Amino acid sequence: MRRSAGRYPDDPRLHRLVERLSERSEQFRELWRRPEVAEHGPTVKRITHSEVGLLELDWDILRTHRGDLRIVTYSAEPGSPSDRKLALLAAIGTQRLRAGAAD
């Protein structure tokens, strides 16, 4: 929210929100007085895919400094089981895997 307040200093709705939260919460007032801005770093997401099972993917958010554009990236550790599963998904596309299918 602090980053948004810096990016949009003339946004009256954001100012009203900060005022309302400040009026109602001592904890918010204390946190809002602090100068630091929290940063989110790379994180691992675990996703269970219906065809290949568990995928462990690194994800990160890329942002522009002066805009609202955000790009979420997902990648697997090269050579990992998740990397091989992503390669399989890229190869099969939207086909469905079936065990024992006689085609």
N, C-alpha and C. Protein backbone atom coordinates (compact mmCIF):
# COMPACT_ATOMS: atom_id res chain seq x y z
N MET A 1 0.83 -1.17 0.00
CA MET A 1 0.00 0.00 0.00
C MET A 1 0.88 1.24 0.00
N ARG A 2 2.01 1.15 0.72
CA ARG A 2 2.92 2.30 0.76
C ARG A 2 3.48 2.58 -0.64
N ARG A 3 3.81 1.52 -1.36
CA ARG A 3 4.32 1.69 -2.72
C ARG A 3 3.24 2.35 -3.59
N SER A 4 2.00 1.92 -3.44
CA SER A 4 0.91 2.52 -4.21
C SER A 4 0.72 3.98 -3.84
N ALA A 5 0.83 4.30 -2.56
CA ALA A 5 0.69 5.70 -2.13
C ALA A 5 1.79 6.56 -2.74
N GLY A 6 2.99 6.00 -2.88
CA GLY A 6 4.06 6.75 -3.51
C GLY A 6 3.87 6.89 -5.01
N ARG A 7 3.31 5.87 -5.62
CA ARG A 7 3.10 5.88 -7.06
C ARG A 7 1.91 6.77 -7.45
N TYR A 8 0.92 6.85 -6.56
CA TYR A 8 -0.29 7.65 -6.83
C TYR A 8 -0.52 8.65 -5.70
N PRO A 9 0.34 9.65 -5.58
CA PRO A 9 0.23 10.58 -4.45
C PRO A 9 -1.03 11.43 -4.45
N ASP A 10 -1.70 11.54 -5.59
CA ASP A 10 -2.91 12.38 -5.68
C ASP A 10 -4.20 11.58 -5.71
N ASP A 11 -4.14 10.30 -5.34
CA ASP A 11 -5.32 9.45 -5.37
C ASP A 11 -6.14 9.66 -4.10
N PRO A 12 -7.30 10.32 -4.19
CA PRO A 12 -8.08 10.61 -2.98
C PRO A 12 -8.64 9.36 -2.32
N ARG A 13 -8.98 8.33 -3.10
CA ARG A 13 -9.52 7.10 -2.50
C ARG A 13 -8.46 6.40 -1.66
N LEU A 14 -7.23 6.40 -2.13
CA LEU A 14 -6.16 5.79 -1.37
C LEU A 14 -5.91 6.56 -0.08
N HIS A 15 -5.93 7.89 -0.16
CA HIS A 15 -5.76 8.71 1.04
C HIS A 15 -6.88 8.45 2.06
N ARG A 16 -8.12 8.34 1.58
CA ARG A 16 -9.24 8.05 2.49
C ARG A 16 -9.08 6.69 3.15
N LEU A 17 -8.63 5.70 2.37
CA LEU A 17 -8.42 4.37 2.93
C LEU A 17 -7.37 4.40 4.04
N VAL A 18 -6.27 5.07 3.80
CA VAL A 18 -5.22 5.18 4.83
C VAL A 18 -5.76 5.91 6.06
N GLU A 19 -6.53 6.95 5.86
CA GLU A 19 -7.11 7.68 6.99
C GLU A 19 -8.05 6.78 7.79
N ARG A 20 -8.93 6.04 7.11
CA ARG A 20 -9.86 5.16 7.83
C ARG A 20 -9.12 4.07 8.59
N LEU A 21 -8.13 3.46 7.96
CA LEU A 21 -7.37 2.42 8.65
C LEU A 21 -6.60 3.00 9.83
N SER A 22 -6.08 4.20 9.67
CA SER A 22 -5.35 4.85 10.76
C SER A 22 -6.27 5.17 11.94
N GLU A 23 -7.49 5.58 11.65
CA GLU A 23 -8.45 5.89 12.71
C GLU A 23 -8.85 4.66 13.50
N ARG A 24 -8.90 3.51 12.83
CA ARG A 24 -9.44 2.30 13.46
C ARG A 24 -8.40 1.35 14.02
N SER A 25 -7.13 1.52 13.67
CA SER A 25 -6.16 0.51 14.06
C SER A 25 -4.84 1.13 14.52
N GLU A 26 -4.53 0.93 15.78
CA GLU A 26 -3.25 1.38 16.31
C GLU A 26 -2.10 0.64 15.61
N GLN A 27 -2.29 -0.66 15.36
CA GLN A 27 -1.26 -1.44 14.69
C GLN A 27 -0.98 -0.87 13.29
N PHE A 28 -2.05 -0.50 12.56
CA PHE A 28 -1.85 0.09 11.24
C PHE A 28 -1.08 1.40 11.35
N ARG A 29 -1.45 2.25 12.32
CA ARG A 29 -0.74 3.53 12.49
C ARG A 29 0.74 3.30 12.74
N GLU A 30 1.05 2.33 13.59
CA GLU A 30 2.46 2.03 13.87
C GLU A 30 3.18 1.55 12.63
N LEU A 31 2.57 0.65 11.88
CA LEU A 31 3.21 0.13 10.67
C LEU A 31 3.33 1.21 9.59
N TRP A 32 2.32 2.06 9.48
CA TRP A 32 2.33 3.09 8.44
C TRP A 32 3.42 4.12 8.70
N ARG A 33 3.77 4.33 9.96
CA ARG A 33 4.84 5.29 10.30
C ARG A 33 6.22 4.78 9.92
N ARG A 34 6.37 3.48 9.76
CA ARG A 34 7.68 2.91 9.41
C ARG A 34 8.02 3.25 7.95
N PRO A 35 9.28 3.51 7.68
CA PRO A 35 9.66 3.91 6.32
C PRO A 35 9.84 2.75 5.34
N GLU A 36 10.04 1.52 5.84
CA GLU A 36 10.37 0.44 4.93
C GLU A 36 9.16 -0.05 4.14
N VAL A 37 9.47 -0.58 2.97
CA VAL A 37 8.46 -1.16 2.09
C VAL A 37 8.81 -2.63 1.92
N ALA A 38 7.86 -3.50 2.17
CA ALA A 38 8.12 -4.94 2.04
C ALA A 38 8.30 -5.32 0.58
N GLU A 39 9.24 -6.18 0.33
CA GLU A 39 9.49 -6.70 -1.02
C GLU A 39 9.19 -8.19 -1.02
N HIS A 40 8.61 -8.63 -2.09
CA HIS A 40 8.34 -10.06 -2.26
C HIS A 40 9.40 -10.62 -3.20
N GLY A 41 10.10 -11.62 -2.74
CA GLY A 41 11.13 -12.23 -3.57
C GLY A 41 10.63 -13.49 -4.21
N PRO A 42 11.51 -14.17 -4.91
CA PRO A 42 11.13 -15.43 -5.55
C PRO A 42 10.63 -16.45 -4.52
N THR A 43 9.65 -17.22 -4.90
CA THR A 43 9.04 -18.20 -4.01
C THR A 43 8.78 -19.47 -4.81
N VAL A 44 8.63 -20.59 -4.10
CA VAL A 44 8.29 -21.85 -4.76
C VAL A 44 6.79 -22.09 -4.63
N LYS A 45 6.15 -22.38 -5.75
CA LYS A 45 4.74 -22.75 -5.76
C LYS A 45 4.65 -24.23 -6.07
N ARG A 46 3.77 -24.91 -5.36
CA ARG A 46 3.53 -26.33 -5.60
C ARG A 46 2.14 -26.46 -6.19
N ILE A 47 2.09 -27.03 -7.38
CA ILE A 47 0.84 -27.16 -8.12
C ILE A 47 0.66 -28.62 -8.50
N THR A 48 -0.52 -29.15 -8.27
CA THR A 48 -0.80 -30.51 -8.71
C THR A 48 -1.55 -30.45 -10.02
N HIS A 49 -0.89 -30.92 -11.07
CA HIS A 49 -1.48 -30.94 -12.40
C HIS A 49 -2.19 -32.27 -12.62
N SER A 50 -3.33 -32.23 -13.26
CA SER A 50 -4.14 -33.45 -13.43
C SER A 50 -3.45 -34.52 -14.27
N GLU A 51 -2.53 -34.16 -15.14
CA GLU A 51 -1.89 -35.13 -16.02
C GLU A 51 -0.51 -35.58 -15.53
N VAL A 52 0.26 -34.69 -14.92
CA VAL A 52 1.65 -35.03 -14.57
C VAL A 52 1.93 -35.01 -13.07
N GLY A 53 0.95 -34.64 -12.29
CA GLY A 53 1.15 -34.65 -10.84
C GLY A 53 1.79 -33.37 -10.31
N LEU A 54 2.59 -33.51 -9.26
CA LEU A 54 3.14 -32.37 -8.55
C LEU A 54 4.21 -31.64 -9.37
N LEU A 55 4.03 -30.33 -9.48
CA LEU A 55 5.02 -29.45 -10.09
C LEU A 55 5.50 -28.48 -9.02
N GLU A 56 6.80 -28.37 -8.85
CA GLU A 56 7.38 -27.38 -7.94
C GLU A 56 8.04 -26.32 -8.81
N LEU A 57 7.44 -25.13 -8.82
CA LEU A 57 7.87 -24.08 -9.73
C LEU A 57 8.33 -22.85 -8.96
N ASP A 58 9.44 -22.28 -9.39
CA ASP A 58 9.88 -20.99 -8.87
C ASP A 58 9.00 -19.93 -9.53
N TRP A 59 8.56 -18.96 -8.74
CA TRP A 59 7.77 -17.90 -9.36
C TRP A 59 8.26 -16.56 -8.85
N ASP A 60 8.12 -15.58 -9.69
CA ASP A 60 8.53 -14.23 -9.34
C ASP A 60 7.60 -13.26 -10.05
N ILE A 61 7.54 -12.05 -9.54
CA ILE A 61 6.72 -11.01 -10.15
C ILE A 61 7.66 -9.93 -10.66
N LEU A 62 7.58 -9.65 -11.94
CA LEU A 62 8.36 -8.57 -12.54
C LEU A 62 7.45 -7.36 -12.66
N ARG A 63 7.93 -6.20 -12.21
CA ARG A 63 7.11 -4.98 -12.21
C ARG A 63 7.83 -3.85 -12.92
N THR A 64 7.05 -2.93 -13.43
CA THR A 64 7.62 -1.70 -13.91
C THR A 64 7.68 -0.72 -12.75
N HIS A 65 8.60 0.22 -12.81
CA HIS A 65 8.74 1.17 -11.71
C HIS A 65 7.66 2.24 -11.72
N ARG A 66 7.14 2.57 -12.87
CA ARG A 66 6.19 3.67 -12.95
C ARG A 66 4.86 3.26 -13.58
N GLY A 67 4.42 2.08 -13.28
CA GLY A 67 3.15 1.67 -13.87
C GLY A 67 2.57 0.49 -13.13
N ASP A 68 1.48 0.02 -13.64
CA ASP A 68 0.78 -1.09 -13.01
C ASP A 68 1.05 -2.42 -13.69
N LEU A 69 1.98 -2.47 -14.62
CA LEU A 69 2.26 -3.71 -15.32
C LEU A 69 3.01 -4.67 -14.42
N ARG A 70 2.49 -5.88 -14.30
CA ARG A 70 3.15 -6.94 -13.54
C ARG A 70 3.11 -8.20 -14.39
N ILE A 71 4.24 -8.87 -14.44
CA ILE A 71 4.32 -10.14 -15.17
C ILE A 71 4.73 -11.20 -14.17
N VAL A 72 3.93 -12.25 -14.07
CA VAL A 72 4.25 -13.36 -13.17
C VAL A 72 4.96 -14.42 -13.99
N THR A 73 6.13 -14.84 -13.53
CA THR A 73 6.89 -15.86 -14.24
C THR A 73 6.95 -17.13 -13.40
N TYR A 74 6.85 -18.25 -14.06
CA TYR A 74 6.99 -19.56 -13.44
C TYR A 74 8.09 -20.31 -14.18
N SER A 75 8.96 -20.97 -13.44
CA SER A 75 10.01 -21.77 -14.07
C SER A 75 10.37 -22.92 -13.14
N ALA A 76 10.90 -23.96 -13.75
CA ALA A 76 11.35 -25.12 -12.97
C ALA A 76 12.87 -25.15 -12.97
N GLU A 77 13.43 -25.70 -11.91
CA GLU A 77 14.88 -25.88 -11.83
C GLU A 77 15.32 -26.78 -12.99
N PRO A 78 16.29 -26.33 -13.79
CA PRO A 78 16.73 -27.15 -14.93
C PRO A 78 17.14 -28.56 -14.47
N GLY A 79 16.65 -29.56 -15.20
CA GLY A 79 16.98 -30.95 -14.90
C GLY A 79 16.17 -31.58 -13.78
N SER A 80 15.31 -30.81 -13.14
CA SER A 80 14.50 -31.32 -12.03
C SER A 80 13.32 -32.14 -12.56
N PRO A 81 12.68 -32.93 -11.68
CA PRO A 81 11.47 -33.64 -12.11
C PRO A 81 10.41 -32.68 -12.66
N SER A 82 10.27 -31.51 -12.06
CA SER A 82 9.28 -30.55 -12.56
C SER A 82 9.65 -30.03 -13.94
N ASP A 83 10.94 -29.86 -14.20
CA ASP A 83 11.40 -29.43 -15.51
C ASP A 83 11.02 -30.47 -16.57
N ARG A 84 11.22 -31.74 -16.25
CA ARG A 84 10.87 -32.81 -17.19
C ARG A 84 9.35 -32.87 -17.39
N LYS A 85 8.59 -32.65 -16.34
CA LYS A 85 7.13 -32.66 -16.47
C LYS A 85 6.64 -31.50 -17.33
N LEU A 86 7.25 -30.32 -17.17
CA LEU A 86 6.87 -29.20 -18.02
C LEU A 86 7.20 -29.48 -19.48
N ALA A 87 8.34 -30.12 -19.73
CA ALA A 87 8.69 -30.49 -21.10
C ALA A 87 7.66 -31.46 -21.67
N LEU A 88 7.22 -32.41 -20.87
CA LEU A 88 6.19 -33.35 -21.31
C LEU A 88 4.89 -32.61 -21.64
N LEU A 89 4.50 -31.69 -20.77
CA LEU A 89 3.28 -30.92 -21.03
C LEU A 89 3.40 -30.08 -22.30
N ALA A 90 4.59 -29.54 -22.55
CA ALA A 90 4.79 -28.77 -23.77
C ALA A 90 4.66 -29.67 -25.00
N ALA A 91 5.09 -30.92 -24.87
CA ALA A 91 5.03 -31.86 -25.99
C ALA A 91 3.62 -32.36 -26.25
N ILE A 92 2.87 -32.63 -25.19
CA ILE A 92 1.54 -33.20 -25.40
C ILE A 92 0.48 -32.13 -25.64
N GLY A 93 0.76 -30.91 -25.27
CA GLY A 93 -0.21 -29.83 -25.47
C GLY A 93 -1.49 -30.11 -24.72
N THR A 94 -2.60 -30.08 -25.44
CA THR A 94 -3.90 -30.27 -24.80
C THR A 94 -4.41 -31.71 -24.87
N GLN A 95 -3.57 -32.60 -25.37
CA GLN A 95 -3.97 -34.02 -25.40
C GLN A 95 -4.11 -34.54 -23.97
N ARG A 96 -4.93 -35.52 -23.79
CA ARG A 96 -5.11 -36.12 -22.47
C ARG A 96 -4.36 -37.44 -22.45
N LEU A 97 -3.64 -37.70 -21.35
CA LEU A 97 -2.95 -38.96 -21.18
C LEU A 97 -3.90 -39.98 -20.60
N ARG A 98 -3.88 -41.20 -21.18
CA ARG A 98 -4.72 -42.28 -20.64
C ARG A 98 -3.88 -43.52 -20.57
N ALA A 99 -3.85 -44.13 -19.41
CA ALA A 99 -3.13 -45.39 -19.26
C ALA A 99 -3.92 -46.49 -19.94
N GLY A 100 -3.22 -47.32 -20.73
CA GLY A 100 -3.86 -48.48 -21.33
C GLY A 100 -4.76 -48.19 -22.50
N ALA A 101 -4.68 -47.00 -23.05
CA ALA A 101 -5.53 -46.66 -24.20
C ALA A 101 -5.05 -47.40 -25.43
N ALA A 102 -5.96 -47.98 -26.17
CA ALA A 102 -5.61 -48.73 -27.39
C ALA A 102 -6.05 -47.93 -28.59
N ASP A 103 -5.21 -47.00 -29.02
CA ASP A 103 -5.55 -46.16 -30.19
C ASP A 103 -4.78 -46.58 -31.39
